[in-house]
């Protein structure tokens, strides 16, 4: 499984309608509106790079109102479960 974060810049008049459309796409786990230089951050999980390309290029980027996307592929996750597992293995 691949996890990616998609940063989206949208047209102003689509800001209200785009969030629910993004969230409804298969493979999208979470959709956030944000402050700063992007309008949405979307967390995606797909089987492989081909699935990522299909979701980002064929589905999400084709939604009306999206001006720009930037995709960031997750490399490692650091959360409570991973930290606990490392200590259980004696990696302290």
PDB file of N, CA and C in Angstrom:
ATOM      1  N   UNK A   1       0.831  -1.189   0.000  1.00  0.00           N
ATOM      2  CA  UNK A   1       0.000   0.000   0.000  1.00  0.00           C
ATOM      3  C   UNK A   1       0.870   1.244   0.000  1.00  0.00           C
ATOM      4  N   UNK A   2       0.469   2.234  -0.752  1.00  0.00           N
ATOM      5  CA  UNK A   2       1.149   3.522  -0.791  1.00  0.00           C
ATOM      6  C   UNK A   2       0.259   4.581  -0.164  1.00  0.00           C
ATOM      7  N   UNK A   3       0.882   5.443   0.610  1.00  0.00           N
ATOM      8  CA  UNK A   3       0.188   6.603   1.150  1.00  0.00           C
ATOM      9  C   UNK A   3       0.808   7.830   0.521  1.00  0.00           C
ATOM     10  N   UNK A   4      -0.044   8.761   0.116  1.00  0.00           N
ATOM     11  CA  UNK A   4       0.434  10.003  -0.484  1.00  0.00           C
ATOM     12  C   UNK A   4      -0.407  11.156   0.040  1.00  0.00           C
ATOM     13  N   UNK A   5       0.164  12.336  -0.029  1.00  0.00           N
ATOM     14  CA  UNK A   5      -0.526  13.563   0.341  1.00  0.00           C
ATOM     15  C   UNK A   5      -0.600  14.437  -0.894  1.00  0.00           C
ATOM     16  N   UNK A   6      -1.797  14.849  -1.223  1.00  0.00           N
ATOM     17  CA  UNK A   6      -2.021  15.673  -2.391  1.00  0.00           C
ATOM     18  C   UNK A   6      -2.346  17.084  -1.929  1.00  0.00           C
ATOM     19  N   UNK A   7      -1.546  18.055  -2.367  1.00  0.00           N
ATOM     20  CA  UNK A   7      -1.776  19.461  -2.053  1.00  0.00           C
ATOM     21  C   UNK A   7      -2.468  20.084  -3.248  1.00  0.00           C
ATOM     22  N   UNK A   8      -3.606  20.707  -2.997  1.00  0.00           N
ATOM     23  CA  UNK A   8      -4.446  21.193  -4.084  1.00  0.00           C
ATOM     24  C   UNK A   8      -4.673  22.692  -3.963  1.00  0.00           C
ATOM     25  N   UNK A   9      -4.463  23.391  -5.063  1.00  0.00           N
ATOM     26  CA  UNK A   9      -4.854  24.786  -5.191  1.00  0.00           C
ATOM     27  C   UNK A   9      -6.085  24.813  -6.073  1.00  0.00           C
ATOM     28  N   UNK A  10      -7.131  25.516  -5.600  1.00  0.00           N
ATOM     29  CA  UNK A  10      -8.417  25.502  -6.295  1.00  0.00           C
ATOM     30  C   UNK A  10      -8.858  26.903  -6.673  1.00  0.00           C
ATOM     31  N   UNK A  11      -9.781  26.958  -7.626  1.00  0.00           N
ATOM     32  CA  UNK A  11     -10.430  28.220  -7.962  1.00  0.00           C
ATOM     33  C   UNK A  11     -11.310  28.640  -6.796  1.00  0.00           C
ATOM     34  N   UNK A  12     -11.326  29.899  -6.521  1.00  0.00           N
ATOM     35  CA  UNK A  12     -12.065  30.436  -5.370  1.00  0.00           C
ATOM     36  C   UNK A  12     -13.545  30.042  -5.386  1.00  0.00           C
ATOM     37  N   UNK A  13     -14.184  30.086  -6.551  1.00  0.00           N
ATOM     38  CA  UNK A  13     -15.619  29.795  -6.600  1.00  0.00           C
ATOM     39  C   UNK A  13     -15.950  28.307  -6.490  1.00  0.00           C
ATOM     40  N   UNK A  14     -14.948  27.432  -6.397  1.00  0.00           N
ATOM     41  CA  UNK A  14     -15.181  26.000  -6.207  1.00  0.00           C
ATOM     42  C   UNK A  14     -14.789  25.523  -4.803  1.00  0.00           C
ATOM     43  N   UNK A  15     -14.318  26.419  -3.965  1.00  0.00           N
ATOM     44  CA  UNK A  15     -13.837  26.005  -2.642  1.00  0.00           C
ATOM     45  C   UNK A  15     -14.919  25.294  -1.829  1.00  0.00           C
ATOM     46  N   UNK A  16     -16.137  25.772  -1.884  1.00  0.00           N
ATOM     47  CA  UNK A  16     -17.207  25.183  -1.089  1.00  0.00           C
ATOM     48  C   UNK A  16     -17.662  23.821  -1.570  1.00  0.00           C
ATOM     49  N   UNK A  17     -17.583  23.560  -2.855  1.00  0.00           N
ATOM     50  CA  UNK A  17     -18.086  22.299  -3.402  1.00  0.00           C
ATOM     51  C   UNK A  17     -17.012  21.238  -3.599  1.00  0.00           C
ATOM     52  N   UNK A  18     -15.768  21.632  -3.636  1.00  0.00           N
ATOM     53  CA  UNK A  18     -14.697  20.704  -3.982  1.00  0.00           C
ATOM     54  C   UNK A  18     -14.378  19.717  -2.858  1.00  0.00           C
ATOM     55  N   UNK A  19     -14.423  20.150  -1.619  1.00  0.00           N
ATOM     56  CA  UNK A  19     -14.088  19.261  -0.496  1.00  0.00           C
ATOM     57  C   UNK A  19     -14.888  17.975  -0.481  1.00  0.00           C
ATOM     58  N   UNK A  20     -16.224  18.043  -0.524  1.00  0.00           N
ATOM     59  CA  UNK A  20     -17.015  16.804  -0.544  1.00  0.00           C
ATOM     60  C   UNK A  20     -16.753  15.934  -1.776  1.00  0.00           C
ATOM     61  N   UNK A  21     -16.474  16.561  -2.913  1.00  0.00           N
ATOM     62  CA  UNK A  21     -16.163  15.783  -4.121  1.00  0.00           C
ATOM     63  C   UNK A  21     -14.851  15.026  -3.957  1.00  0.00           C
ATOM     64  N   UNK A  22     -13.862  15.683  -3.375  1.00  0.00           N
ATOM     65  CA  UNK A  22     -12.580  15.020  -3.129  1.00  0.00           C
ATOM     66  C   UNK A  22     -12.764  13.857  -2.156  1.00  0.00           C
ATOM     67  N   UNK A  23     -13.482  14.106  -1.075  1.00  0.00           N
ATOM     68  CA  UNK A  23     -13.669  13.088  -0.031  1.00  0.00           C
ATOM     69  C   UNK A  23     -14.425  11.869  -0.543  1.00  0.00           C
ATOM     70  N   UNK A  24     -15.256  12.029  -1.553  1.00  0.00           N
ATOM     71  CA  UNK A  24     -16.062  10.929  -2.071  1.00  0.00           C
ATOM     72  C   UNK A  24     -15.302   9.994  -3.008  1.00  0.00           C
ATOM     73  N   UNK A  25     -14.096  10.359  -3.415  1.00  0.00           N
ATOM     74  CA  UNK A  25     -13.335   9.532  -4.353  1.00  0.00           C
ATOM     75  C   UNK A  25     -12.738   8.324  -3.650  1.00  0.00           C
ATOM     76  N   UNK A  26     -12.894   7.121  -4.246  1.00  0.00           N
ATOM     77  CA  UNK A  26     -12.258   5.933  -3.673  1.00  0.00           C
ATOM     78  C   UNK A  26     -10.742   6.119  -3.600  1.00  0.00           C
ATOM     79  N   UNK A  27     -10.162   5.759  -2.493  1.00  0.00           N
ATOM     80  CA  UNK A  27      -8.728   5.930  -2.272  1.00  0.00           C
ATOM     81  C   UNK A  27      -8.400   7.141  -1.443  1.00  0.00           C
ATOM     82  N   UNK A  28      -9.335   8.069  -1.312  1.00  0.00           N
ATOM     83  CA  UNK A  28      -9.140   9.261  -0.485  1.00  0.00           C
ATOM     84  C   UNK A  28      -9.546   8.911   0.944  1.00  0.00           C
ATOM     85  N   UNK A  29      -8.608   9.051   1.870  1.00  0.00           N
ATOM     86  CA  UNK A  29      -8.877   8.737   3.275  1.00  0.00           C
ATOM     87  C   UNK A  29      -9.364   9.944   4.051  1.00  0.00           C
ATOM     88  N   UNK A  30      -8.762  11.103   3.784  1.00  0.00           N
ATOM     89  CA  UNK A  30      -9.108  12.323   4.505  1.00  0.00           C
ATOM     90  C   UNK A  30      -8.928  13.512   3.580  1.00  0.00           C
ATOM     91  N   UNK A  31      -9.770  14.517   3.780  1.00  0.00           N
ATOM     92  CA  UNK A  31      -9.674  15.757   3.021  1.00  0.00           C
ATOM     93  C   UNK A  31      -9.763  16.913   4.002  1.00  0.00           C
ATOM     94  N   UNK A  32      -8.802  17.821   3.938  1.00  0.00           N
ATOM     95  CA  UNK A  32      -8.756  18.976   4.834  1.00  0.00           C
ATOM     96  C   UNK A  32      -8.714  20.270   4.035  1.00  0.00           C
ATOM     97  N   UNK A  33      -9.454  21.274   4.483  1.00  0.00           N
ATOM     98  CA  UNK A  33      -9.216  22.618   3.982  1.00  0.00           C
ATOM     99  C   UNK A  33      -8.091  23.183   4.829  1.00  0.00           C
ATOM    100  N   UNK A  34      -7.302  24.084   4.257  1.00  0.00           N
ATOM    101  CA  UNK A  34      -6.131  24.572   4.965  1.00  0.00           C
ATOM    102  C   UNK A  34      -5.954  26.078   4.779  1.00  0.00           C
ATOM    103  N   UNK A  35      -5.084  26.620   5.605  1.00  0.00           N
ATOM    104  CA  UNK A  35      -4.630  27.991   5.404  1.00  0.00           C
ATOM    105  C   UNK A  35      -3.287  27.910   4.685  1.00  0.00           C
ATOM    106  N   UNK A  36      -2.822  29.015   4.182  1.00  0.00           N
ATOM    107  CA  UNK A  36      -1.521  29.016   3.526  1.00  0.00           C
ATOM    108  C   UNK A  36      -1.645  29.025   2.022  1.00  0.00           C
ATOM    109  N   UNK A  37      -0.642  28.459   1.352  1.00  0.00           N
ATOM    110  CA  UNK A  37      -0.581  28.564  -0.100  1.00  0.00           C
ATOM    111  C   UNK A  37      -1.301  27.446  -0.845  1.00  0.00           C
ATOM    112  N   UNK A  38      -1.907  26.495  -0.129  1.00  0.00           N
ATOM    113  CA  UNK A  38      -2.753  25.480  -0.765  1.00  0.00           C
ATOM    114  C   UNK A  38      -4.128  25.525  -0.110  1.00  0.00           C
ATOM    115  N   UNK A  39      -5.126  25.075  -0.839  1.00  0.00           N
ATOM    116  CA  UNK A  39      -6.499  25.128  -0.335  1.00  0.00           C
ATOM    117  C   UNK A  39      -6.949  23.834   0.331  1.00  0.00           C
ATOM    118  N   UNK A  40      -6.432  22.692  -0.150  1.00  0.00           N
ATOM    119  CA  UNK A  40      -6.804  21.388   0.400  1.00  0.00           C
ATOM    120  C   UNK A  40      -5.561  20.522   0.544  1.00  0.00           C
ATOM    121  N   UNK A  41      -5.566  19.694   1.574  1.00  0.00           N
ATOM    122  CA  UNK A  41      -4.598  18.605   1.694  1.00  0.00           C
ATOM    123  C   UNK A  41      -5.416  17.331   1.784  1.00  0.00           C
ATOM    124  N   UNK A  42      -5.099  16.380   0.908  1.00  0.00           N
ATOM    125  CA  UNK A  42      -5.843  15.131   0.815  1.00  0.00           C
ATOM    126  C   UNK A  42      -4.882  13.985   1.101  1.00  0.00           C
ATOM    127  N   UNK A  43      -5.283  13.097   2.018  1.00  0.00           N
ATOM    128  CA  UNK A  43      -4.483  11.897   2.296  1.00  0.00           C
ATOM    129  C   UNK A  43      -5.073  10.754   1.490  1.00  0.00           C
ATOM    130  N   UNK A  44      -4.202  10.103   0.721  1.00  0.00           N
ATOM    131  CA  UNK A  44      -4.596   9.064  -0.227  1.00  0.00           C
ATOM    132  C   UNK A  44      -3.907   7.758   0.158  1.00  0.00           C
ATOM    133  N   UNK A  45      -4.623   6.643  -0.032  1.00  0.00           N
ATOM    134  CA  UNK A  45      -3.986   5.337   0.101  1.00  0.00           C
ATOM    135  C   UNK A  45      -4.427   4.467  -1.069  1.00  0.00           C
ATOM    136  N   UNK A  46      -3.450   3.944  -1.793  1.00  0.00           N
ATOM    137  CA  UNK A  46      -3.701   3.131  -2.986  1.00  0.00           C
ATOM    138  C   UNK A  46      -2.774   1.921  -2.967  1.00  0.00           C
ATOM    139  N   UNK A  47      -3.038   0.979  -3.844  1.00  0.00           N
ATOM    140  CA  UNK A  47      -2.251  -0.255  -3.901  1.00  0.00           C
ATOM    141  C   UNK A  47      -0.821  -0.041  -4.408  1.00  0.00           C
ATOM    142  N   UNK A  48      -0.682   0.778  -5.457  1.00  0.00           N
ATOM    143  CA  UNK A  48       0.629   0.910  -6.094  1.00  0.00           C
ATOM    144  C   UNK A  48       0.703   2.250  -6.837  1.00  0.00           C
ATOM    145  N   UNK A  49       1.829   2.478  -7.507  1.00  0.00           N
ATOM    146  CA  UNK A  49       2.050   3.732  -8.224  1.00  0.00           C
ATOM    147  C   UNK A  49       1.046   3.902  -9.360  1.00  0.00           C
ATOM    148  N   UNK A  50       0.670   2.814 -10.011  1.00  0.00           N
ATOM    149  CA  UNK A  50      -0.335   2.908 -11.078  1.00  0.00           C
ATOM    150  C   UNK A  50      -1.677   3.377 -10.518  1.00  0.00           C
ATOM    151  N   UNK A  51      -2.037   2.869  -9.344  1.00  0.00           N
ATOM    152  CA  UNK A  51      -3.273   3.310  -8.705  1.00  0.00           C
ATOM    153  C   UNK A  51      -3.208   4.772  -8.310  1.00  0.00           C
ATOM    154  N   UNK A  52      -2.043   5.209  -7.862  1.00  0.00           N
ATOM    155  CA  UNK A  52      -1.853   6.615  -7.509  1.00  0.00           C
ATOM    156  C   UNK A  52      -2.008   7.500  -8.748  1.00  0.00           C
ATOM    157  N   UNK A  53      -1.372   7.103  -9.840  1.00  0.00           N
ATOM    158  CA  UNK A  53      -1.469   7.877 -11.083  1.00  0.00           C
ATOM    159  C   UNK A  53      -2.910   7.947 -11.569  1.00  0.00           C
ATOM    160  N   UNK A  54      -3.611   6.834 -11.522  1.00  0.00           N
ATOM    161  CA  UNK A  54      -5.002   6.819 -11.978  1.00  0.00           C
ATOM    162  C   UNK A  54      -5.869   7.723 -11.107  1.00  0.00           C
ATOM    163  N   UNK A  55      -5.681   7.659  -9.804  1.00  0.00           N
ATOM    164  CA  UNK A  55      -6.493   8.478  -8.900  1.00  0.00           C
ATOM    165  C   UNK A  55      -6.188   9.964  -9.079  1.00  0.00           C
ATOM    166  N   UNK A  56      -4.913  10.316  -9.070  1.00  0.00           N
ATOM    167  CA  UNK A  56      -4.537  11.731  -9.128  1.00  0.00           C
ATOM    168  C   UNK A  56      -4.793  12.318 -10.508  1.00  0.00           C
ATOM    169  N   UNK A  57      -4.318  11.665 -11.551  1.00  0.00           N
ATOM    170  CA  UNK A  57      -4.402  12.235 -12.896  1.00  0.00           C
ATOM    171  C   UNK A  57      -5.772  12.060 -13.549  1.00  0.00           C
ATOM    172  N   UNK A  58      -6.356  10.886 -13.367  1.00  0.00           N
ATOM    173  CA  UNK A  58      -7.602  10.599 -14.078  1.00  0.00           C
ATOM    174  C   UNK A  58      -8.845  11.057 -13.326  1.00  0.00           C
ATOM    175  N   UNK A  59      -8.804  11.030 -11.998  1.00  0.00           N
ATOM    176  CA  UNK A  59     -10.017  11.358 -11.238  1.00  0.00           C
ATOM    177  C   UNK A  59      -9.936  12.720 -10.570  1.00  0.00           C
ATOM    178  N   UNK A  60      -8.960  12.896  -9.689  1.00  0.00           N
ATOM    179  CA  UNK A  60      -8.937  14.107  -8.873  1.00  0.00           C
ATOM    180  C   UNK A  60      -8.594  15.357  -9.681  1.00  0.00           C
ATOM    181  N   UNK A  61      -7.562  15.284 -10.498  1.00  0.00           N
ATOM    182  CA  UNK A  61      -7.154  16.468 -11.259  1.00  0.00           C
ATOM    183  C   UNK A  61      -8.199  16.875 -12.293  1.00  0.00           C
ATOM    184  N   UNK A  62      -9.112  15.973 -12.615  1.00  0.00           N
ATOM    185  CA  UNK A  62     -10.160  16.280 -13.587  1.00  0.00           C
ATOM    186  C   UNK A  62     -11.377  16.957 -12.948  1.00  0.00           C
ATOM    187  N   UNK A  63     -11.431  17.030 -11.618  1.00  0.00           N
ATOM    188  CA  UNK A  63     -12.566  17.671 -10.959  1.00  0.00           C
ATOM    189  C   UNK A  63     -12.579  19.164 -11.282  1.00  0.00           C
ATOM    190  N   UNK A  64     -13.756  19.718 -11.516  1.00  0.00           N
ATOM    191  CA  UNK A  64     -13.844  21.146 -11.826  1.00  0.00           C
ATOM    192  C   UNK A  64     -13.357  21.998 -10.658  1.00  0.00           C
ATOM    193  N   UNK A  65     -12.564  22.992 -10.972  1.00  0.00           N
ATOM    194  CA  UNK A  65     -12.097  23.927  -9.961  1.00  0.00           C
ATOM    195  C   UNK A  65     -10.691  23.688  -9.472  1.00  0.00           C
ATOM    196  N   UNK A  66     -10.093  22.557  -9.817  1.00  0.00           N
ATOM    197  CA  UNK A  66      -8.713  22.298  -9.393  1.00  0.00           C
ATOM    198  C   UNK A  66      -7.772  22.984 -10.372  1.00  0.00           C
ATOM    199  N   UNK A  67      -6.922  23.858  -9.833  1.00  0.00           N
ATOM    200  CA  UNK A  67      -5.955  24.579 -10.671  1.00  0.00           C
ATOM    201  C   UNK A  67      -4.601  23.909 -10.685  1.00  0.00           C
ATOM    202  N   UNK A  68      -4.207  23.357  -9.532  1.00  0.00           N
ATOM    203  CA  UNK A  68      -2.864  22.788  -9.426  1.00  0.00           C
ATOM    204  C   UNK A  68      -2.874  21.707  -8.369  1.00  0.00           C
ATOM    205  N   UNK A  69      -2.112  20.649  -8.617  1.00  0.00           N
ATOM    206  CA  UNK A  69      -1.913  19.608  -7.610  1.00  0.00           C
ATOM    207  C   UNK A  69      -0.421  19.359  -7.446  1.00  0.00           C
ATOM    208  N   UNK A  70      -0.060  19.010  -6.233  1.00  0.00           N
ATOM    209  CA  UNK A  70       1.308  18.552  -5.937  1.00  0.00           C
ATOM    210  C   UNK A  70       1.164  17.289  -5.099  1.00  0.00           C
ATOM    211  N   UNK A  71       1.813  16.224  -5.532  1.00  0.00           N
ATOM    212  CA  UNK A  71       1.694  14.938  -4.862  1.00  0.00           C
ATOM    213  C   UNK A  71       2.987  14.632  -4.117  1.00  0.00           C
ATOM    214  N   UNK A  72       2.835  14.262  -2.847  1.00  0.00           N
ATOM    215  CA  UNK A  72       3.979  13.899  -2.005  1.00  0.00           C
ATOM    216  C   UNK A  72       3.770  12.475  -1.516  1.00  0.00           C
ATOM    217  N   UNK A  73       4.671  11.585  -1.895  1.00  0.00           N
ATOM    218  CA  UNK A  73       4.593  10.185  -1.506  1.00  0.00           C
ATOM    219  C   UNK A  73       5.178  10.005  -0.111  1.00  0.00           C
ATOM    220  N   UNK A  74       4.443   9.324   0.768  1.00  0.00           N
ATOM    221  CA  UNK A  74       4.923   9.077   2.130  1.00  0.00           C
ATOM    222  C   UNK A  74       6.004   8.003   2.097  1.00  0.00           C
ATOM    223  N   UNK A  75       7.059   8.208   2.865  1.00  0.00           N
ATOM    224  CA  UNK A  75       8.168   7.259   2.929  1.00  0.00           C
ATOM    225  C   UNK A  75       8.108   6.417   4.206  1.00  0.00           C
ATOM    226  N   UNK A  76       7.994   7.067   5.337  1.00  0.00           N
ATOM    227  CA  UNK A  76       7.917   6.391   6.633  1.00  0.00           C
ATOM    228  C   UNK A  76       6.859   7.065   7.480  1.00  0.00           C
ATOM    229  N   UNK A  77       6.272   6.286   8.376  1.00  0.00           N
ATOM    230  CA  UNK A  77       5.284   6.830   9.302  1.00  0.00           C
ATOM    231  C   UNK A  77       5.852   6.727  10.704  1.00  0.00           C
ATOM    232  N   UNK A  78       5.734   7.793  11.459  1.00  0.00           N
ATOM    233  CA  UNK A  78       6.165   7.814  12.844  1.00  0.00           C
ATOM    234  C   UNK A  78       4.961   8.158  13.703  1.00  0.00           C
ATOM    235  N   UNK A  79       4.421   7.179  14.346  1.00  0.00           N
ATOM    236  CA  UNK A  79       3.277   7.364  15.225  1.00  0.00           C
ATOM    237  C   UNK A  79       3.477   6.514  16.473  1.00  0.00           C
ATOM    238  N   UNK A  80       2.548   6.566  17.394  1.00  0.00           N
ATOM    239  CA  UNK A  80       2.695   5.808  18.642  1.00  0.00           C
ATOM    240  C   UNK A  80       2.912   4.312  18.425  1.00  0.00           C
ATOM    241  N   UNK A  81       2.238   3.715  17.440  1.00  0.00           N
ATOM    242  CA  UNK A  81       2.381   2.286  17.199  1.00  0.00           C
ATOM    243  C   UNK A  81       3.795   1.928  16.740  1.00  0.00           C
ATOM    244  N   UNK A  82       4.342   2.728  15.824  1.00  0.00           N
ATOM    245  CA  UNK A  82       5.688   2.456  15.306  1.00  0.00           C
ATOM    246  C   UNK A  82       6.744   2.654  16.380  1.00  0.00           C
ATOM    247  N   UNK A  83       6.589   3.668  17.199  1.00  0.00           N
ATOM    248  CA  UNK A  83       7.554   3.920  18.269  1.00  0.00           C
ATOM    249  C   UNK A  83       7.513   2.787  19.294  1.00  0.00           C
ATOM    250  N   UNK A  84       6.323   2.347  19.674  1.00  0.00           N
ATOM    251  CA  UNK A  84       6.188   1.236  20.624  1.00  0.00           C
ATOM    252  C   UNK A  84       6.796  -0.040  20.061  1.00  0.00           C
ATOM    253  N   UNK A  85       6.582  -0.301  18.772  1.00  0.00           N
ATOM    254  CA  UNK A  85       7.136  -1.496  18.141  1.00  0.00           C
ATOM    255  C   UNK A  85       8.655  -1.456  18.140  1.00  0.00           C
ATOM    256  N   UNK A  86       9.245  -0.300  17.920  1.00  0.00           N
ATOM    257  CA  UNK A  86      10.713  -0.183  17.926  1.00  0.00           C
ATOM    258  C   UNK A  86      11.253  -0.484  19.301  1.00  0.00           C
ATOM    259  N   UNK A  87      10.604  -0.002  20.360  1.00  0.00           N
ATOM    260  CA  UNK A  87      11.054  -0.306  21.717  1.00  0.00           C
ATOM    261  C   UNK A  87      10.887  -1.790  22.033  1.00  0.00           C
ATOM    262  N   UNK A  88       9.812  -2.414  21.544  1.00  0.00           N
ATOM    263  CA  UNK A  88       9.586  -3.834  21.771  1.00  0.00           C
ATOM    264  C   UNK A  88      10.689  -4.662  21.129  1.00  0.00           C
ATOM    265  N   UNK A  89      11.255  -4.151  20.040  1.00  0.00           N
ATOM    266  CA  UNK A  89      12.341  -4.861  19.359  1.00  0.00           C
ATOM    267  C   UNK A  89      13.705  -4.567  19.987  1.00  0.00           C
ATOM    268  N   UNK A  90      13.752  -3.675  20.947  1.00  0.00           N
ATOM    269  CA  UNK A  90      15.017  -3.301  21.583  1.00  0.00           C
ATOM    270  C   UNK A  90      15.813  -2.303  20.794  1.00  0.00           C
ATOM    271  N   UNK A  91      15.153  -1.443  20.041  1.00  0.00           N
ATOM    272  CA  UNK A  91      15.853  -0.457  19.228  1.00  0.00           C
ATOM    273  C   UNK A  91      16.038   0.868  19.942  1.00  0.00           C
ATOM    274  N   UNK A  92      15.915   0.878  21.258  1.00  0.00           N
ATOM    275  CA  UNK A  92      16.071   2.130  22.002  1.00  0.00           C
ATOM    276  C   UNK A  92      17.523   2.471  22.074  1.00  0.00           C
TER     277      UNK A  92
END
